[in-house]
C-alpha atoms as a PDB file:
ATOM      1  CA  UNK A   1      98.375 133.311  53.009  1.00  0.00           C
ATOM      2  CA  UNK A   2     101.213 130.808  52.763  1.00  0.00           C
ATOM      3  CA  UNK A   3     100.964 130.685  48.985  1.00  0.00           C
ATOM      4  CA  UNK A   4     100.845 126.884  48.880  1.00  0.00           C
ATOM      5  CA  UNK A   5      97.929 125.953  46.632  1.00  0.00           C
ATOM      6  CA  UNK A   6      98.767 122.253  46.475  1.00  0.00           C
ATOM      7  CA  UNK A   7      97.307 119.929  49.117  1.00  0.00           C
ATOM      8  CA  UNK A   8      99.790 119.377  51.913  1.00  0.00           C
ATOM      9  CA  UNK A   9      99.336 115.663  52.591  1.00  0.00           C
ATOM     10  CA  UNK A  10     101.374 113.769  55.177  1.00  0.00           C
ATOM     11  CA  UNK A  11     102.316 110.233  54.098  1.00  0.00           C
ATOM     12  CA  UNK A  12     102.593 107.601  56.808  1.00  0.00           C
ATOM     13  CA  UNK A  13     104.962 104.648  56.658  1.00  0.00           C
ATOM     14  CA  UNK A  14     102.178 102.283  55.605  1.00  0.00           C
ATOM     15  CA  UNK A  15     101.341 104.399  52.566  1.00  0.00           C
ATOM     16  CA  UNK A  16      98.167 105.909  54.005  1.00  0.00           C
ATOM     17  CA  UNK A  17      97.625 109.537  53.098  1.00  0.00           C
ATOM     18  CA  UNK A  18      96.652 111.962  55.850  1.00  0.00           C
ATOM     19  CA  UNK A  19      95.700 115.583  55.476  1.00  0.00           C
ATOM     20  CA  UNK A  20      96.543 116.361  59.112  1.00  0.00           C
ATOM     21  CA  UNK A  21     100.019 116.554  60.654  1.00  0.00           C
ATOM     22  CA  UNK A  22      99.132 114.195  63.495  1.00  0.00           C
ATOM     23  CA  UNK A  23     101.231 113.602  66.585  1.00  0.00           C
ATOM     24  CA  UNK A  24     100.882 109.852  65.994  1.00  0.00           C
ATOM     25  CA  UNK A  25     102.631 110.151  62.644  1.00  0.00           C
ATOM     26  CA  UNK A  26     105.303 112.433  64.121  1.00  0.00           C
ATOM     27  CA  UNK A  27     106.074 110.061  67.005  1.00  0.00           C
ATOM     28  CA  UNK A  28     106.189 107.011  64.758  1.00  0.00           C
ATOM     29  CA  UNK A  29     108.733 108.748  62.560  1.00  0.00           C
ATOM     30  CA  UNK A  30     110.780 109.929  65.546  1.00  0.00           C
ATOM     31  CA  UNK A  31     110.902 106.639  67.443  1.00  0.00           C
ATOM     32  CA  UNK A  32     110.373 104.221  64.572  1.00  0.00           C
ATOM     33  CA  UNK A  33     107.400 102.550  66.236  1.00  0.00           C
ATOM     34  CA  UNK A  34     103.890 103.124  67.504  1.00  0.00           C
ATOM     35  CA  UNK A  35     104.134 105.486  70.489  1.00  0.00           C
ATOM     36  CA  UNK A  36     101.387 105.695  73.111  1.00  0.00           C
ATOM     37  CA  UNK A  37     100.773 108.215  75.896  1.00  0.00           C
ATOM     38  CA  UNK A  38     100.225 106.798  79.377  1.00  0.00           C
ATOM     39  CA  UNK A  39      98.093 109.158  81.490  1.00  0.00           C
ATOM     40  CA  UNK A  40      99.452 109.709  84.985  1.00  0.00           C
ATOM     41  CA  UNK A  41      97.872 111.361  88.007  1.00  0.00           C
ATOM     42  CA  UNK A  42     100.828 112.784  89.899  1.00  0.00           C
ATOM     43  CA  UNK A  43      98.738 113.646  92.954  1.00  0.00           C
ATOM     44  CA  UNK A  44      98.806 117.394  92.347  1.00  0.00           C
ATOM     45  CA  UNK A  45      96.046 119.921  92.868  1.00  0.00           C
ATOM     46  CA  UNK A  46      95.353 123.314  91.294  1.00  0.00           C
ATOM     47  CA  UNK A  47      95.483 126.957  92.496  1.00  0.00           C
ATOM     48  CA  UNK A  48      91.903 127.284  91.302  1.00  0.00           C
ATOM     49  CA  UNK A  49      90.818 124.531  93.684  1.00  0.00           C
ATOM     50  CA  UNK A  50      92.900 125.062  96.821  1.00  0.00           C
ATOM     51  CA  UNK A  51      92.015 128.729  97.269  1.00  0.00           C
ATOM     52  CA  UNK A  52      95.277 130.246  96.061  1.00  0.00           C
ATOM     53  CA  UNK A  53      93.426 131.848  93.150  1.00  0.00           C
ATOM     54  CA  UNK A  54      89.904 130.541  93.440  1.00  0.00           C
ATOM     55  CA  UNK A  55      87.655 127.694  94.486  1.00  0.00           C
ATOM     56  CA  UNK A  56      85.842 124.988  92.591  1.00  0.00           C
ATOM     57  CA  UNK A  57      88.189 124.921  89.621  1.00  0.00           C
ATOM     58  CA  UNK A  58      87.390 125.754  86.023  1.00  0.00           C
ATOM     59  CA  UNK A  59      83.686 125.153  85.512  1.00  0.00           C
ATOM     60  CA  UNK A  60      84.137 122.472  82.864  1.00  0.00           C
ATOM     61  CA  UNK A  61      86.785 120.520  84.783  1.00  0.00           C
ATOM     62  CA  UNK A  62      85.841 117.078  86.087  1.00  0.00           C
ATOM     63  CA  UNK A  63      86.225 116.028  89.698  1.00  0.00           C
ATOM     64  CA  UNK A  64      89.448 114.264  88.684  1.00  0.00           C
ATOM     65  CA  UNK A  65      90.955 117.427  87.233  1.00  0.00           C
ATOM     66  CA  UNK A  66      90.242 116.371  83.637  1.00  0.00           C
ATOM     67  CA  UNK A  67      92.347 113.276  84.099  1.00  0.00           C
ATOM     68  CA  UNK A  68      89.579 110.720  84.260  1.00  0.00           C
ATOM     69  CA  UNK A  69      91.626 108.165  82.323  1.00  0.00           C
ATOM     70  CA  UNK A  70      94.742 108.619  84.459  1.00  0.00           C
ATOM     71  CA  UNK A  71      96.193 106.183  86.993  1.00  0.00           C
ATOM     72  CA  UNK A  72      96.905 107.739  90.375  1.00  0.00           C
ATOM     73  CA  UNK A  73      97.904 105.206  93.022  1.00  0.00           C
ATOM     74  CA  UNK A  74     100.752 107.408  94.233  1.00  0.00           C
ATOM     75  CA  UNK A  75     103.371 105.020  92.856  1.00  0.00           C
ATOM     76  CA  UNK A  76     104.233 106.384  89.425  1.00  0.00           C
ATOM     77  CA  UNK A  77     106.359 103.426  88.312  1.00  0.00           C
ATOM     78  CA  UNK A  78     103.638 100.996  89.344  1.00  0.00           C
ATOM     79  CA  UNK A  79     100.993 103.007  87.486  1.00  0.00           C
ATOM     80  CA  UNK A  80     103.131 103.013  84.347  1.00  0.00           C
ATOM     81  CA  UNK A  81     103.729  99.274  84.587  1.00  0.00           C
ATOM     82  CA  UNK A  82     100.002  98.619  85.026  1.00  0.00           C
ATOM     83  CA  UNK A  83      99.143 100.632  81.933  1.00  0.00           C
ATOM     84  CA  UNK A  84     101.903  99.047  79.846  1.00  0.00           C
ATOM     85  CA  UNK A  85     100.687  95.581  80.850  1.00  0.00           C
ATOM     86  CA  UNK A  86      97.138  96.556  79.918  1.00  0.00           C
ATOM     87  CA  UNK A  87      98.129  97.913  76.508  1.00  0.00           C
ATOM     88  CA  UNK A  88     100.821  95.420  75.556  1.00  0.00           C
ATOM     89  CA  UNK A  89      98.282  93.008  74.118  1.00  0.00           C
ATOM     90  CA  UNK A  90      96.992  95.637  71.704  1.00  0.00           C
ATOM     91  CA  UNK A  91     100.396  97.184  70.941  1.00  0.00           C
ATOM     92  CA  UNK A  92     103.098  94.620  71.812  1.00  0.00           C
ATOM     93  CA  UNK A  93     105.901  96.639  70.229  1.00  0.00           C
ATOM     94  CA  UNK A  94     104.859 100.151  71.297  1.00  0.00           C
ATOM     95  CA  UNK A  95     106.963 102.867  72.850  1.00  0.00           C
ATOM     96  CA  UNK A  96     105.469 105.077  75.561  1.00  0.00           C
ATOM     97  CA  UNK A  97     105.258 108.703  76.667  1.00  0.00           C
ATOM     98  CA  UNK A  98     104.517 109.401  80.350  1.00  0.00           C
ATOM     99  CA  UNK A  99     101.753 112.012  80.326  1.00  0.00           C
ATOM    100  CA  UNK A 100     101.171 113.937  83.558  1.00  0.00           C
ATOM    101  CA  UNK A 101      97.567 114.866  82.835  1.00  0.00           C
ATOM    102  CA  UNK A 102      95.429 115.397  85.937  1.00  0.00           C
ATOM    103  CA  UNK A 103      95.130 118.818  87.569  1.00  0.00           C
ATOM    104  CA  UNK A 104      98.151 121.185  87.360  1.00  0.00           C
ATOM    105  CA  UNK A 105     101.385 119.251  86.964  1.00  0.00           C
ATOM    106  CA  UNK A 106     103.816 122.071  87.718  1.00  0.00           C
ATOM    107  CA  UNK A 107     101.960 123.193  90.851  1.00  0.00           C
ATOM    108  CA  UNK A 108     104.233 121.869  93.599  1.00  0.00           C
ATOM    109  CA  UNK A 109     107.726 122.560  94.965  1.00  0.00           C
ATOM    110  CA  UNK A 110     110.379 121.942  92.331  1.00  0.00           C
ATOM    111  CA  UNK A 111     112.009 119.227  94.468  1.00  0.00           C
ATOM    112  CA  UNK A 112     108.780 117.221  94.558  1.00  0.00           C
ATOM    113  CA  UNK A 113     108.199 117.739  90.847  1.00  0.00           C
ATOM    114  CA  UNK A 114     111.722 116.520  90.086  1.00  0.00           C
ATOM    115  CA  UNK A 115     111.113 113.344  92.107  1.00  0.00           C
ATOM    116  CA  UNK A 116     107.903 112.543  90.234  1.00  0.00           C
ATOM    117  CA  UNK A 117     109.182 113.434  86.770  1.00  0.00           C
ATOM    118  CA  UNK A 118     112.332 111.385  87.257  1.00  0.00           C
ATOM    119  CA  UNK A 119     110.334 108.407  88.515  1.00  0.00           C
ATOM    120  CA  UNK A 120     108.493 108.411  85.208  1.00  0.00           C
ATOM    121  CA  UNK A 121     111.518 109.049  82.983  1.00  0.00           C
ATOM    122  CA  UNK A 122     113.588 106.345  84.665  1.00  0.00           C
ATOM    123  CA  UNK A 123     111.117 103.612  83.679  1.00  0.00           C
ATOM    124  CA  UNK A 124     112.785 101.566  80.900  1.00  0.00           C
ATOM    125  CA  UNK A 125     109.680 101.593  78.699  1.00  0.00           C
ATOM    126  CA  UNK A 126     109.345 105.378  78.664  1.00  0.00           C
ATOM    127  CA  UNK A 127     110.676 107.346  75.674  1.00  0.00           C
ATOM    128  CA  UNK A 128     109.620 110.806  76.839  1.00  0.00           C
ATOM    129  CA  UNK A 129     107.431 112.907  79.085  1.00  0.00           C
ATOM    130  CA  UNK A 130     104.491 115.287  78.574  1.00  0.00           C
ATOM    131  CA  UNK A 131     103.420 117.704  81.297  1.00  0.00           C
ATOM    132  CA  UNK A 132     100.033 119.437  81.326  1.00  0.00           C
ATOM    133  CA  UNK A 133      99.695 122.651  83.292  1.00  0.00           C
ATOM    134  CA  UNK A 134      98.152 126.084  83.634  1.00  0.00           C
ATOM    135  CA  UNK A 135     100.030 129.029  82.110  1.00  0.00           C
ATOM    136  CA  UNK A 136     100.155 130.818  85.469  1.00  0.00           C
ATOM    137  CA  UNK A 137     101.970 127.980  87.251  1.00  0.00           C
ATOM    138  CA  UNK A 138     105.511 127.979  85.881  1.00  0.00           C
ATOM    139  CA  UNK A 139     107.719 129.894  88.346  1.00  0.00           C
ATOM    140  CA  UNK A 140     111.392 130.320  87.563  1.00  0.00           C
ATOM    141  CA  UNK A 141     112.613 127.322  89.596  1.00  0.00           C
ATOM    142  CA  UNK A 142     110.091 125.058  87.851  1.00  0.00           C
ATOM    143  CA  UNK A 143     111.147 126.468  84.483  1.00  0.00           C
ATOM    144  CA  UNK A 144     114.740 125.590  85.378  1.00  0.00           C
ATOM    145  CA  UNK A 145     113.611 122.049  86.216  1.00  0.00           C
ATOM    146  CA  UNK A 146     111.789 121.726  82.911  1.00  0.00           C
ATOM    147  CA  UNK A 147     114.979 122.834  81.133  1.00  0.00           C
ATOM    148  CA  UNK A 148     116.918 120.190  83.050  1.00  0.00           C
ATOM    149  CA  UNK A 149     114.443 117.479  82.034  1.00  0.00           C
ATOM    150  CA  UNK A 150     114.375 118.664  78.439  1.00  0.00           C
ATOM    151  CA  UNK A 151     118.179 118.525  78.094  1.00  0.00           C
ATOM    152  CA  UNK A 152     118.233 114.724  78.226  1.00  0.00           C
ATOM    153  CA  UNK A 153     114.675 113.695  77.361  1.00  0.00           C
ATOM    154  CA  UNK A 154     112.029 114.062  74.706  1.00  0.00           C
ATOM    155  CA  UNK A 155     109.431 116.347  76.275  1.00  0.00           C
ATOM    156  CA  UNK A 156     106.643 118.806  75.722  1.00  0.00           C
ATOM    157  CA  UNK A 157     104.654 121.053  78.050  1.00  0.00           C
ATOM    158  CA  UNK A 158     100.920 121.352  77.465  1.00  0.00           C
ATOM    159  CA  UNK A 159      99.467 124.771  78.259  1.00  0.00           C
ATOM    160  CA  UNK A 160      95.727 125.071  78.824  1.00  0.00           C
ATOM    161  CA  UNK A 161      94.737 128.215  76.946  1.00  0.00           C
ATOM    162  CA  UNK A 162      91.130 127.095  76.178  1.00  0.00           C
ATOM    163  CA  UNK A 163      90.088 130.454  74.691  1.00  0.00           C
ATOM    164  CA  UNK A 164      91.566 133.865  73.910  1.00  0.00           C
ATOM    165  CA  UNK A 165      88.358 135.646  74.927  1.00  0.00           C
ATOM    166  CA  UNK A 166      88.420 137.244  78.375  1.00  0.00           C
ATOM    167  CA  UNK A 167      84.637 137.184  78.759  1.00  0.00           C
ATOM    168  CA  UNK A 168      84.615 133.410  78.310  1.00  0.00           C
ATOM    169  CA  UNK A 169      87.614 132.916  80.578  1.00  0.00           C
ATOM    170  CA  UNK A 170      85.860 134.843  83.342  1.00  0.00           C
ATOM    171  CA  UNK A 171      82.576 132.995  82.840  1.00  0.00           C
ATOM    172  CA  UNK A 172      84.394 129.659  83.042  1.00  0.00           C
ATOM    173  CA  UNK A 173      86.293 130.724  86.187  1.00  0.00           C
ATOM    174  CA  UNK A 174      89.698 130.028  84.643  1.00  0.00           C
ATOM    175  CA  UNK A 175      91.431 132.510  86.946  1.00  0.00           C
ATOM    176  CA  UNK A 176      94.170 133.181  84.396  1.00  0.00           C
ATOM    177  CA  UNK A 177      94.376 135.418  81.369  1.00  0.00           C
ATOM    178  CA  UNK A 178      95.647 135.458  77.803  1.00  0.00           C
ATOM    179  CA  UNK A 179      98.548 137.567  79.078  1.00  0.00           C
ATOM    180  CA  UNK A 180      99.471 134.716  81.451  1.00  0.00           C
ATOM    181  CA  UNK A 181      99.515 132.323  78.508  1.00  0.00           C
ATOM    182  CA  UNK A 182     101.642 134.665  76.410  1.00  0.00           C
ATOM    183  CA  UNK A 183     104.131 135.061  79.249  1.00  0.00           C
ATOM    184  CA  UNK A 184     104.398 131.305  79.846  1.00  0.00           C
ATOM    185  CA  UNK A 185     104.710 130.600  76.128  1.00  0.00           C
ATOM    186  CA  UNK A 186     107.461 133.186  75.714  1.00  0.00           C
ATOM    187  CA  UNK A 187     109.443 131.881  78.679  1.00  0.00           C
ATOM    188  CA  UNK A 188     109.130 128.222  77.653  1.00  0.00           C
ATOM    189  CA  UNK A 189     110.037 128.883  74.039  1.00  0.00           C
ATOM    190  CA  UNK A 190     113.011 131.021  75.046  1.00  0.00           C
ATOM    191  CA  UNK A 191     114.343 127.828  76.670  1.00  0.00           C
ATOM    192  CA  UNK A 192     113.508 125.750  73.575  1.00  0.00           C
ATOM    193  CA  UNK A 193     110.894 123.731  75.446  1.00  0.00           C
ATOM    194  CA  UNK A 194     108.217 122.439  73.036  1.00  0.00           C
ATOM    195  CA  UNK A 195     104.705 123.680  73.818  1.00  0.00           C
ATOM    196  CA  UNK A 196     101.353 122.101  73.024  1.00  0.00           C
ATOM    197  CA  UNK A 197      98.408 124.509  73.317  1.00  0.00           C
ATOM    198  CA  UNK A 198      95.045 123.205  74.459  1.00  0.00           C
ATOM    199  CA  UNK A 199      91.804 124.803  73.183  1.00  0.00           C
ATOM    200  CA  UNK A 200      88.187 123.933  73.949  1.00  0.00           C
ATOM    201  CA  UNK A 201      85.530 124.406  71.263  1.00  0.00           C
ATOM    202  CA  UNK A 202      81.909 125.058  72.166  1.00  0.00           C
ATOM    203  CA  UNK A 203      82.337 127.031  75.375  1.00  0.00           C
ATOM    204  CA  UNK A 204      79.116 128.811  76.429  1.00  0.00           C
ATOM    205  CA  UNK A 205      78.574 132.162  74.747  1.00  0.00           C
ATOM    206  CA  UNK A 206      81.173 131.662  72.025  1.00  0.00           C
ATOM    207  CA  UNK A 207      80.171 132.010  68.389  1.00  0.00           C
ATOM    208  CA  UNK A 208      81.772 130.018  65.611  1.00  0.00           C
ATOM    209  CA  UNK A 209      83.918 133.032  64.703  1.00  0.00           C
ATOM    210  CA  UNK A 210      85.083 133.469  68.307  1.00  0.00           C
ATOM    211  CA  UNK A 211      86.220 129.840  68.378  1.00  0.00           C
ATOM    212  CA  UNK A 212      88.052 130.216  65.100  1.00  0.00           C
ATOM    213  CA  UNK A 213      89.734 133.386  66.390  1.00  0.00           C
ATOM    214  CA  UNK A 214      91.235 131.315  69.220  1.00  0.00           C
ATOM    215  CA  UNK A 215      92.369 128.668  66.746  1.00  0.00           C
ATOM    216  CA  UNK A 216      93.801 131.256  64.355  1.00  0.00           C
ATOM    217  CA  UNK A 217      95.728 132.847  67.226  1.00  0.00           C
ATOM    218  CA  UNK A 218      97.217 129.636  68.612  1.00  0.00           C
ATOM    219  CA  UNK A 219      97.652 127.949  65.240  1.00  0.00           C
ATOM    220  CA  UNK A 220      99.578 130.881  63.834  1.00  0.00           C
ATOM    221  CA  UNK A 221     102.323 130.724  66.443  1.00  0.00           C
ATOM    222  CA  UNK A 222     105.496 128.641  66.515  1.00  0.00           C
ATOM    223  CA  UNK A 223     104.251 126.049  68.986  1.00  0.00           C
ATOM    224  CA  UNK A 224     105.054 122.346  68.690  1.00  0.00           C
ATOM    225  CA  UNK A 225     101.484 121.106  68.897  1.00  0.00           C
ATOM    226  CA  UNK A 226      97.820 121.905  69.384  1.00  0.00           C
ATOM    227  CA  UNK A 227      94.847 120.141  70.952  1.00  0.00           C
ATOM    228  CA  UNK A 228      91.256 120.820  69.968  1.00  0.00           C
ATOM    229  CA  UNK A 229      88.203 119.250  71.477  1.00  0.00           C
ATOM    230  CA  UNK A 230      84.555 119.916  72.044  1.00  0.00           C
ATOM    231  CA  UNK A 231      83.327 120.885  75.475  1.00  0.00           C
ATOM    232  CA  UNK A 232      81.990 117.805  77.220  1.00  0.00           C
ATOM    233  CA  UNK A 233      79.527 118.420  80.028  1.00  0.00           C
ATOM    234  CA  UNK A 234      80.420 115.844  82.662  1.00  0.00           C
ATOM    235  CA  UNK A 235      78.992 114.767  85.986  1.00  0.00           C
ATOM    236  CA  UNK A 236      80.893 116.124  88.956  1.00  0.00           C
ATOM    237  CA  UNK A 237      81.890 119.371  87.243  1.00  0.00           C
ATOM    238  CA  UNK A 238      80.748 122.781  88.505  1.00  0.00           C
ATOM    239  CA  UNK A 239      79.267 123.303  85.067  1.00  0.00           C
ATOM    240  CA  UNK A 240      76.785 120.489  85.639  1.00  0.00           C
ATOM    241  CA  UNK A 241      74.997 122.799  88.078  1.00  0.00           C
ATOM    242  CA  UNK A 242      75.708 126.210  86.577  1.00  0.00           C
ATOM    243  CA  UNK A 243      74.847 125.205  82.984  1.00  0.00           C
ATOM    244  CA  UNK A 244      72.429 122.288  83.387  1.00  0.00           C
ATOM    245  CA  UNK A 245      71.501 120.661  80.105  1.00  0.00           C
ATOM    246  CA  UNK A 246      74.154 122.551  78.138  1.00  0.00           C
ATOM    247  CA  UNK A 247      75.103 120.985  74.806  1.00  0.00           C
ATOM    248  CA  UNK A 248      78.187 122.351  73.062  1.00  0.00           C
ATOM    249  CA  UNK A 249      77.286 120.977  69.604  1.00  0.00           C
ATOM    250  CA  UNK A 250      73.926 119.614  68.532  1.00  0.00           C
ATOM    251  CA  UNK A 251      75.355 117.083  66.106  1.00  0.00           C
ATOM    252  CA  UNK A 252      78.561 115.395  65.080  1.00  0.00           C
ATOM    253  CA  UNK A 253      78.230 116.915  61.613  1.00  0.00           C
ATOM    254  CA  UNK A 254      78.194 120.418  63.098  1.00  0.00           C
ATOM    255  CA  UNK A 255      81.343 119.700  65.073  1.00  0.00           C
ATOM    256  CA  UNK A 256      83.132 118.032  62.163  1.00  0.00           C
ATOM    257  CA  UNK A 257      82.466 121.080  59.995  1.00  0.00           C
ATOM    258  CA  UNK A 258      83.953 123.393  62.629  1.00  0.00           C
ATOM    259  CA  UNK A 259      87.006 121.192  63.198  1.00  0.00           C
ATOM    260  CA  UNK A 260      87.810 121.137  59.492  1.00  0.00           C
ATOM    261  CA  UNK A 261      87.540 124.934  59.342  1.00  0.00           C
ATOM    262  CA  UNK A 262      89.845 125.103  62.374  1.00  0.00           C
ATOM    263  CA  UNK A 263      92.434 122.745  60.877  1.00  0.00           C
ATOM    264  CA  UNK A 264      92.567 124.833  57.711  1.00  0.00           C
ATOM    265  CA  UNK A 265      93.799 127.771  59.837  1.00  0.00           C
ATOM    266  CA  UNK A 266      96.575 125.910  61.692  1.00  0.00           C
ATOM    267  CA  UNK A 267     100.168 126.058  60.510  1.00  0.00           C
ATOM    268  CA  UNK A 268     101.097 122.796  58.767  1.00  0.00           C
ATOM    269  CA  UNK A 269     104.255 122.665  60.914  1.00  0.00           C
ATOM    270  CA  UNK A 270     102.196 122.235  64.087  1.00  0.00           C
ATOM    271  CA  UNK A 271     101.466 118.679  65.218  1.00  0.00           C
ATOM    272  CA  UNK A 272      97.792 118.012  65.949  1.00  0.00           C
ATOM    273  CA  UNK A 273      97.439 116.017  69.170  1.00  0.00           C
ATOM    274  CA  UNK A 274      93.685 115.845  69.462  1.00  0.00           C
ATOM    275  CA  UNK A 275      90.531 116.861  67.599  1.00  0.00           C
ATOM    276  CA  UNK A 276      88.008 115.292  69.934  1.00  0.00           C
ATOM    277  CA  UNK A 277      87.587 114.625  73.637  1.00  0.00           C
ATOM    278  CA  UNK A 278      87.533 111.534  75.826  1.00  0.00           C
ATOM    279  CA  UNK A 279      85.052 111.342  78.667  1.00  0.00           C
ATOM    280  CA  UNK A 280      83.982 108.116  80.378  1.00  0.00           C
ATOM    281  CA  UNK A 281      80.454 107.237  79.302  1.00  0.00           C
ATOM    282  CA  UNK A 282      79.507 106.896  82.968  1.00  0.00           C
ATOM    283  CA  UNK A 283      80.198 110.608  83.551  1.00  0.00           C
ATOM    284  CA  UNK A 284      79.400 112.056  80.106  1.00  0.00           C
ATOM    285  CA  UNK A 285      76.220 114.163  79.966  1.00  0.00           C
ATOM    286  CA  UNK A 286      76.585 115.875  76.590  1.00  0.00           C
ATOM    287  CA  UNK A 287      77.074 115.860  73.698  1.00  0.00           C
ATOM    288  CA  UNK A 288      75.846 112.267  73.740  1.00  0.00           C
ATOM    289  CA  UNK A 289      77.623 111.326  70.487  1.00  0.00           C
ATOM    290  CA  UNK A 290      81.090 112.455  71.578  1.00  0.00           C
ATOM    291  CA  UNK A 291      82.057 109.036  72.917  1.00  0.00           C
ATOM    292  CA  UNK A 292      82.064 107.772  69.311  1.00  0.00           C
ATOM    293  CA  UNK A 293      85.676 108.835  68.917  1.00  0.00           C
ATOM    294  CA  UNK A 294      86.618 106.509  66.060  1.00  0.00           C
ATOM    295  CA  UNK A 295      83.519 107.441  64.066  1.00  0.00           C
ATOM    296  CA  UNK A 296      84.223 111.133  64.539  1.00  0.00           C
ATOM    297  CA  UNK A 297      87.877 110.855  63.500  1.00  0.00           C
ATOM    298  CA  UNK A 298      87.022 108.791  60.429  1.00  0.00           C
ATOM    299  CA  UNK A 299      84.348 111.310  59.467  1.00  0.00           C
ATOM    300  CA  UNK A 300      86.795 114.216  59.697  1.00  0.00           C
ATOM    301  CA  UNK A 301      89.368 112.478  57.484  1.00  0.00           C
ATOM    302  CA  UNK A 302      86.712 111.369  54.988  1.00  0.00           C
ATOM    303  CA  UNK A 303      85.164 114.831  54.784  1.00  0.00           C
ATOM    304  CA  UNK A 304      88.536 116.559  54.385  1.00  0.00           C
ATOM    305  CA  UNK A 305      89.276 114.320  51.428  1.00  0.00           C
ATOM    306  CA  UNK A 306      85.830 114.980  49.947  1.00  0.00           C
ATOM    307  CA  UNK A 307      86.398 118.745  50.262  1.00  0.00           C
ATOM    308  CA  UNK A 308      89.972 118.401  49.002  1.00  0.00           C
ATOM    309  CA  UNK A 309      91.251 120.408  51.950  1.00  0.00           C
ATOM    310  CA  UNK A 310      94.105 120.012  54.434  1.00  0.00           C
ATOM    311  CA  UNK A 311      95.686 121.420  57.573  1.00  0.00           C
ATOM    312  CA  UNK A 312      97.016 124.884  56.850  1.00  0.00           C
ATOM    313  CA  UNK A 313      95.130 125.479  53.596  1.00  0.00           C
ATOM    314  CA  UNK A 314      94.027 128.903  54.852  1.00  0.00           C
ATOM    315  CA  UNK A 315      96.947 129.441  57.203  1.00  0.00           C
ATOM    316  CA  UNK A 316      98.352 132.959  57.594  1.00  0.00           C
ATOM    317  CA  UNK A 317     101.711 133.243  59.308  1.00  0.00           C
ATOM    318  CA  UNK A 318     101.873 134.982  62.663  1.00  0.00           C
ATOM    319  CA  UNK A 319      99.373 134.818  65.539  1.00  0.00           C
ATOM    320  CA  UNK A 320      96.337 137.010  65.086  1.00  0.00           C
ATOM    321  CA  UNK A 321      95.158 138.578  68.301  1.00  0.00           C
ATOM    322  CA  UNK A 322      91.855 140.466  67.899  1.00  0.00           C
ATOM    323  CA  UNK A 323      90.954 143.464  70.001  1.00  0.00           C
ATOM    324  CA  UNK A 324      89.288 142.028  73.100  1.00  0.00           C
END
């Protein structure tokens, strides 16, 4: 245990008290203003789709490579400008992070990656860059490029771990292993590149304890950030056919209870980037309530206050890897 028996509450600039170390609060402190991620489709694919490692992709992945909200015209600067124009009415004084979200955003020759990353970074409205990828797709020349980008820019790399359990990884056709994640994490952190780890809650066959083991493992490491969200069954995914009618959580209350238990296990130093998922209502199959993002977030914060709990309350230092 960390020995801290007092609630660790993060105060925002407007005086609001939060019991979660959110990325929104972190970015506002760093840049002095509201900072918004702009989702970009860089036009990449994935080794689990093109046959290099497998076909069809991860079972839960959407047809758009889990980047359904991303712009992907092929002109990165134009896509950024379109999104900024769209959001400027809501946040006229916001700063922006270019988020390469769709598919595997390190899966291309380093020269092509450099061209696309630099196109995003060179936009005057962009304060930093976030790059989502698989842990098995960071060869040495791409790692060198990431170091180059990191030297002059605010950046993080998002690694899709999803689960630490090999049986689930195989069932979901991930085509990478926990060892791949550990290798990528070690190499990125040795270069001082911030890492955000992505986990999915509610994968088929996983018990509550299995999910919390994944959270305890990732949340006990020295990563920059973590993402948690429920599994959304979406139209166009392989899972729509292989697990028809699957529902990851029967109710919002069930999911909220799990998320709070997960947050209690995560180091308070780690920024929390997400605790729910976004899926367009037109493609969302289940859980039907997951599109109510604001309601879910408000319920988590309200319930944490009612329970007088906070991120890291049950945190134990050091990743815990169970025998698999």
